[in-house]
Amino acid sequence: MIVSSPSAPVTLTLDASVRPRSSVSPLSDPSARQRLLLKAATLNEQARMAALEGELDVSARAILEALDCERRAGGLGLQVLQLIKPRA
Protein backbone atom coordinates (compact mmCIF):
# COMPACT_ATOMS: atom_id res chain seq x y z
CA MET A 1 0.00 0.00 0.00
CA ILE A 2 1.30 3.46 -0.83
CA VAL A 3 0.43 6.30 1.56
CA SER A 4 1.20 9.84 0.54
CA SER A 5 0.29 13.36 1.60
CA PRO A 6 1.72 16.74 0.55
CA SER A 7 3.76 17.10 3.74
CA ALA A 8 4.79 13.46 4.28
CA PRO A 9 7.23 11.30 2.27
CA VAL A 10 5.96 8.36 0.25
CA THR A 11 5.87 5.10 2.24
CA LEU A 12 5.81 1.65 0.66
CA THR A 13 4.77 -1.39 2.68
CA LEU A 14 4.95 -4.92 1.25
CA ASP A 15 3.10 -7.85 2.73
CA ALA A 16 5.57 -10.77 2.84
CA SER A 17 2.96 -13.37 3.74
CA VAL A 18 1.25 -13.24 0.34
CA ARG A 19 3.48 -15.85 -1.29
CA PRO A 20 4.58 -18.83 0.79
CA ARG A 21 8.16 -19.91 0.28
CA SER A 22 8.84 -23.48 -0.70
CA SER A 23 11.96 -25.33 0.33
CA VAL A 24 12.08 -27.11 -3.04
CA SER A 25 13.01 -25.10 -6.10
CA PRO A 26 11.04 -25.90 -9.27
CA LEU A 27 14.40 -26.36 -10.98
CA SER A 28 15.41 -29.11 -8.55
CA ASP A 29 12.04 -30.92 -8.52
CA PRO A 30 12.59 -34.05 -10.66
CA SER A 31 8.87 -34.77 -10.95
CA ALA A 32 8.08 -31.31 -12.39
CA ARG A 33 9.71 -32.25 -15.70
CA GLN A 34 7.81 -35.54 -15.83
CA ARG A 35 4.51 -33.77 -15.09
CA LEU A 36 5.11 -31.30 -17.93
CA LEU A 37 6.03 -34.07 -20.37
CA LEU A 38 2.94 -36.07 -19.37
CA LYS A 39 0.76 -33.00 -19.84
CA ALA A 40 2.35 -32.45 -23.27
CA ALA A 41 1.61 -36.04 -24.28
CA THR A 42 -1.99 -35.68 -23.10
CA LEU A 43 -2.40 -32.45 -25.05
CA ASN A 44 -0.94 -34.05 -28.18
CA GLU A 45 -3.52 -36.84 -27.92
CA GLN A 46 -6.30 -34.27 -27.43
CA ALA A 47 -5.04 -32.38 -30.49
CA ARG A 48 -5.05 -35.56 -32.56
CA MET A 49 -8.62 -36.42 -31.52
CA ALA A 50 -9.82 -32.85 -32.17
CA ALA A 51 -8.22 -32.89 -35.63
CA LEU A 52 -9.93 -36.19 -36.46
CA GLU A 53 -13.27 -34.63 -35.48
CA GLY A 54 -12.58 -31.62 -37.70
CA GLU A 55 -12.10 -29.13 -34.86
CA LEU A 56 -8.90 -27.60 -36.21
CA ASP A 57 -8.91 -24.53 -33.94
CA VAL A 58 -9.14 -26.73 -30.81
CA SER A 59 -6.41 -28.96 -32.20
CA ALA A 60 -4.13 -26.01 -32.95
CA ARG A 61 -4.55 -24.61 -29.42
CA ALA A 62 -3.74 -27.99 -27.88
CA ILE A 63 -0.63 -28.33 -30.05
CA LEU A 64 0.61 -24.89 -29.02
CA GLU A 65 0.01 -25.64 -25.35
CA ALA A 66 1.82 -29.00 -25.71
CA LEU A 67 4.79 -27.29 -27.34
CA ASP A 68 4.89 -24.80 -24.47
CA CYS A 69 4.92 -27.68 -21.95
CA GLU A 70 7.78 -29.34 -23.82
CA ARG A 71 9.71 -26.06 -23.90
CA ARG A 72 9.26 -25.53 -20.16
CA ALA A 73 10.24 -29.16 -19.45
CA GLY A 74 13.44 -28.66 -21.40
CA GLY A 75 14.39 -25.75 -19.17
CA LEU A 76 14.01 -27.74 -15.94
CA GLY A 77 16.70 -29.77 -14.26
CA LEU A 78 20.40 -29.27 -14.14
CA GLN A 79 21.82 -26.82 -16.62
CA VAL A 80 25.24 -27.38 -18.13
CA LEU A 81 27.26 -24.45 -19.33
CA GLN A 82 30.10 -25.37 -21.63
CA LEU A 83 32.92 -22.86 -21.75
CA ILE A 84 35.20 -23.00 -24.76
CA LYS A 85 38.68 -21.68 -24.17
CA PRO A 86 40.49 -20.31 -27.21
CA ARG A 87 43.90 -21.76 -27.98
CA ALA A 88 46.79 -19.47 -27.16
C-alpha atoms as a PDB file:
ATOM      1  CA  MET A   1       0.000   0.000   0.000  1.00  0.00           C
ATOM      2  CA  ILE A   2       1.298   3.463  -0.827  1.00  0.00           C
ATOM      3  CA  VAL A   3       0.425   6.296   1.560  1.00  0.00           C
ATOM      4  CA  SER A   4       1.202   9.842   0.545  1.00  0.00           C
ATOM      5  CA  SER A   5       0.295  13.359   1.595  1.00  0.00           C
ATOM      6  CA  PRO A   6       1.722  16.738   0.548  1.00  0.00           C
ATOM      7  CA  SER A   7       3.763  17.103   3.743  1.00  0.00           C
ATOM      8  CA  ALA A   8       4.787  13.456   4.283  1.00  0.00           C
ATOM      9  CA  PRO A   9       7.225  11.300   2.274  1.00  0.00           C
ATOM     10  CA  VAL A  10       5.957   8.356   0.252  1.00  0.00           C
ATOM     11  CA  THR A  11       5.866   5.102   2.240  1.00  0.00           C
ATOM     12  CA  LEU A  12       5.812   1.654   0.656  1.00  0.00           C
ATOM     13  CA  THR A  13       4.772  -1.389   2.679  1.00  0.00           C
ATOM     14  CA  LEU A  14       4.952  -4.915   1.254  1.00  0.00           C
ATOM     15  CA  ASP A  15       3.096  -7.854   2.729  1.00  0.00           C
ATOM     16  CA  ALA A  16       5.575 -10.768   2.836  1.00  0.00           C
ATOM     17  CA  SER A  17       2.960 -13.371   3.743  1.00  0.00           C
ATOM     18  CA  VAL A  18       1.247 -13.236   0.343  1.00  0.00           C
ATOM     19  CA  ARG A  19       3.477 -15.850  -1.295  1.00  0.00           C
ATOM     20  CA  PRO A  20       4.584 -18.828   0.789  1.00  0.00           C
ATOM     21  CA  ARG A  21       8.157 -19.915   0.275  1.00  0.00           C
ATOM     22  CA  SER A  22       8.835 -23.482  -0.702  1.00  0.00           C
ATOM     23  CA  SER A  23      11.960 -25.331   0.335  1.00  0.00           C
ATOM     24  CA  VAL A  24      12.080 -27.108  -3.038  1.00  0.00           C
ATOM     25  CA  SER A  25      13.010 -25.104  -6.099  1.00  0.00           C
ATOM     26  CA  PRO A  26      11.040 -25.901  -9.265  1.00  0.00           C
ATOM     27  CA  LEU A  27      14.401 -26.360 -10.979  1.00  0.00           C
ATOM     28  CA  SER A  28      15.411 -29.115  -8.552  1.00  0.00           C
ATOM     29  CA  ASP A  29      12.037 -30.923  -8.522  1.00  0.00           C
ATOM     30  CA  PRO A  30      12.586 -34.053 -10.657  1.00  0.00           C
ATOM     31  CA  SER A  31       8.870 -34.769 -10.951  1.00  0.00           C
ATOM     32  CA  ALA A  32       8.081 -31.310 -12.387  1.00  0.00           C
ATOM     33  CA  ARG A  33       9.711 -32.246 -15.697  1.00  0.00           C
ATOM     34  CA  GLN A  34       7.808 -35.540 -15.827  1.00  0.00           C
ATOM     35  CA  ARG A  35       4.508 -33.773 -15.093  1.00  0.00           C
ATOM     36  CA  LEU A  36       5.110 -31.300 -17.926  1.00  0.00           C
ATOM     37  CA  LEU A  37       6.026 -34.074 -20.372  1.00  0.00           C
ATOM     38  CA  LEU A  38       2.944 -36.070 -19.367  1.00  0.00           C
ATOM     39  CA  LYS A  39       0.759 -33.000 -19.840  1.00  0.00           C
ATOM     40  CA  ALA A  40       2.345 -32.446 -23.272  1.00  0.00           C
ATOM     41  CA  ALA A  41       1.607 -36.038 -24.283  1.00  0.00           C
ATOM     42  CA  THR A  42      -1.993 -35.684 -23.100  1.00  0.00           C
ATOM     43  CA  LEU A  43      -2.403 -32.450 -25.045  1.00  0.00           C
ATOM     44  CA  ASN A  44      -0.943 -34.052 -28.176  1.00  0.00           C
ATOM     45  CA  GLU A  45      -3.521 -36.838 -27.919  1.00  0.00           C
ATOM     46  CA  GLN A  46      -6.303 -34.269 -27.427  1.00  0.00           C
ATOM     47  CA  ALA A  47      -5.043 -32.384 -30.486  1.00  0.00           C
ATOM     48  CA  ARG A  48      -5.052 -35.563 -32.563  1.00  0.00           C
ATOM     49  CA  MET A  49      -8.619 -36.417 -31.522  1.00  0.00           C
ATOM     50  CA  ALA A  50      -9.824 -32.854 -32.175  1.00  0.00           C
ATOM     51  CA  ALA A  51      -8.220 -32.894 -35.627  1.00  0.00           C
ATOM     52  CA  LEU A  52      -9.927 -36.186 -36.456  1.00  0.00           C
ATOM     53  CA  GLU A  53     -13.268 -34.634 -35.476  1.00  0.00           C
ATOM     54  CA  GLY A  54     -12.578 -31.615 -37.703  1.00  0.00           C
ATOM     55  CA  GLU A  55     -12.098 -29.126 -34.856  1.00  0.00           C
ATOM     56  CA  LEU A  56      -8.898 -27.603 -36.209  1.00  0.00           C
ATOM     57  CA  ASP A  57      -8.910 -24.534 -33.941  1.00  0.00           C
ATOM     58  CA  VAL A  58      -9.136 -26.729 -30.807  1.00  0.00           C
ATOM     59  CA  SER A  59      -6.406 -28.964 -32.200  1.00  0.00           C
ATOM     60  CA  ALA A  60      -4.133 -26.014 -32.945  1.00  0.00           C
ATOM     61  CA  ARG A  61      -4.547 -24.607 -29.425  1.00  0.00           C
ATOM     62  CA  ALA A  62      -3.741 -27.992 -27.882  1.00  0.00           C
ATOM     63  CA  ILE A  63      -0.633 -28.333 -30.054  1.00  0.00           C
ATOM     64  CA  LEU A  64       0.609 -24.887 -29.025  1.00  0.00           C
ATOM     65  CA  GLU A  65       0.013 -25.644 -25.355  1.00  0.00           C
ATOM     66  CA  ALA A  66       1.817 -28.999 -25.712  1.00  0.00           C
ATOM     67  CA  LEU A  67       4.792 -27.289 -27.342  1.00  0.00           C
ATOM     68  CA  ASP A  68       4.891 -24.804 -24.471  1.00  0.00           C
ATOM     69  CA  CYS A  69       4.919 -27.676 -21.951  1.00  0.00           C
ATOM     70  CA  GLU A  70       7.780 -29.341 -23.820  1.00  0.00           C
ATOM     71  CA  ARG A  71       9.713 -26.064 -23.899  1.00  0.00           C
ATOM     72  CA  ARG A  72       9.257 -25.535 -20.162  1.00  0.00           C
ATOM     73  CA  ALA A  73      10.236 -29.160 -19.446  1.00  0.00           C
ATOM     74  CA  GLY A  74      13.443 -28.661 -21.404  1.00  0.00           C
ATOM     75  CA  GLY A  75      14.389 -25.753 -19.168  1.00  0.00           C
ATOM     76  CA  LEU A  76      14.011 -27.735 -15.945  1.00  0.00           C
ATOM     77  CA  GLY A  77      16.695 -29.766 -14.259  1.00  0.00           C
ATOM     78  CA  LEU A  78      20.397 -29.267 -14.140  1.00  0.00           C
ATOM     79  CA  GLN A  79      21.820 -26.820 -16.617  1.00  0.00           C
ATOM     80  CA  VAL A  80      25.236 -27.385 -18.135  1.00  0.00           C
ATOM     81  CA  LEU A  81      27.259 -24.455 -19.326  1.00  0.00           C
ATOM     82  CA  GLN A  82      30.101 -25.368 -21.626  1.00  0.00           C
ATOM     83  CA  LEU A  83      32.919 -22.860 -21.752  1.00  0.00           C
ATOM     84  CA  ILE A  84      35.200 -22.999 -24.762  1.00  0.00           C
ATOM     85  CA  LYS A  85      38.676 -21.682 -24.167  1.00  0.00           C
ATOM     86  CA  PRO A  86      40.491 -20.308 -27.207  1.00  0.00           C
ATOM     87  CA  ARG A  87      43.904 -21.757 -27.981  1.00  0.00           C
ATOM     88  CA  ALA A  88      46.795 -19.466 -27.161  1.00  0.00           C
END
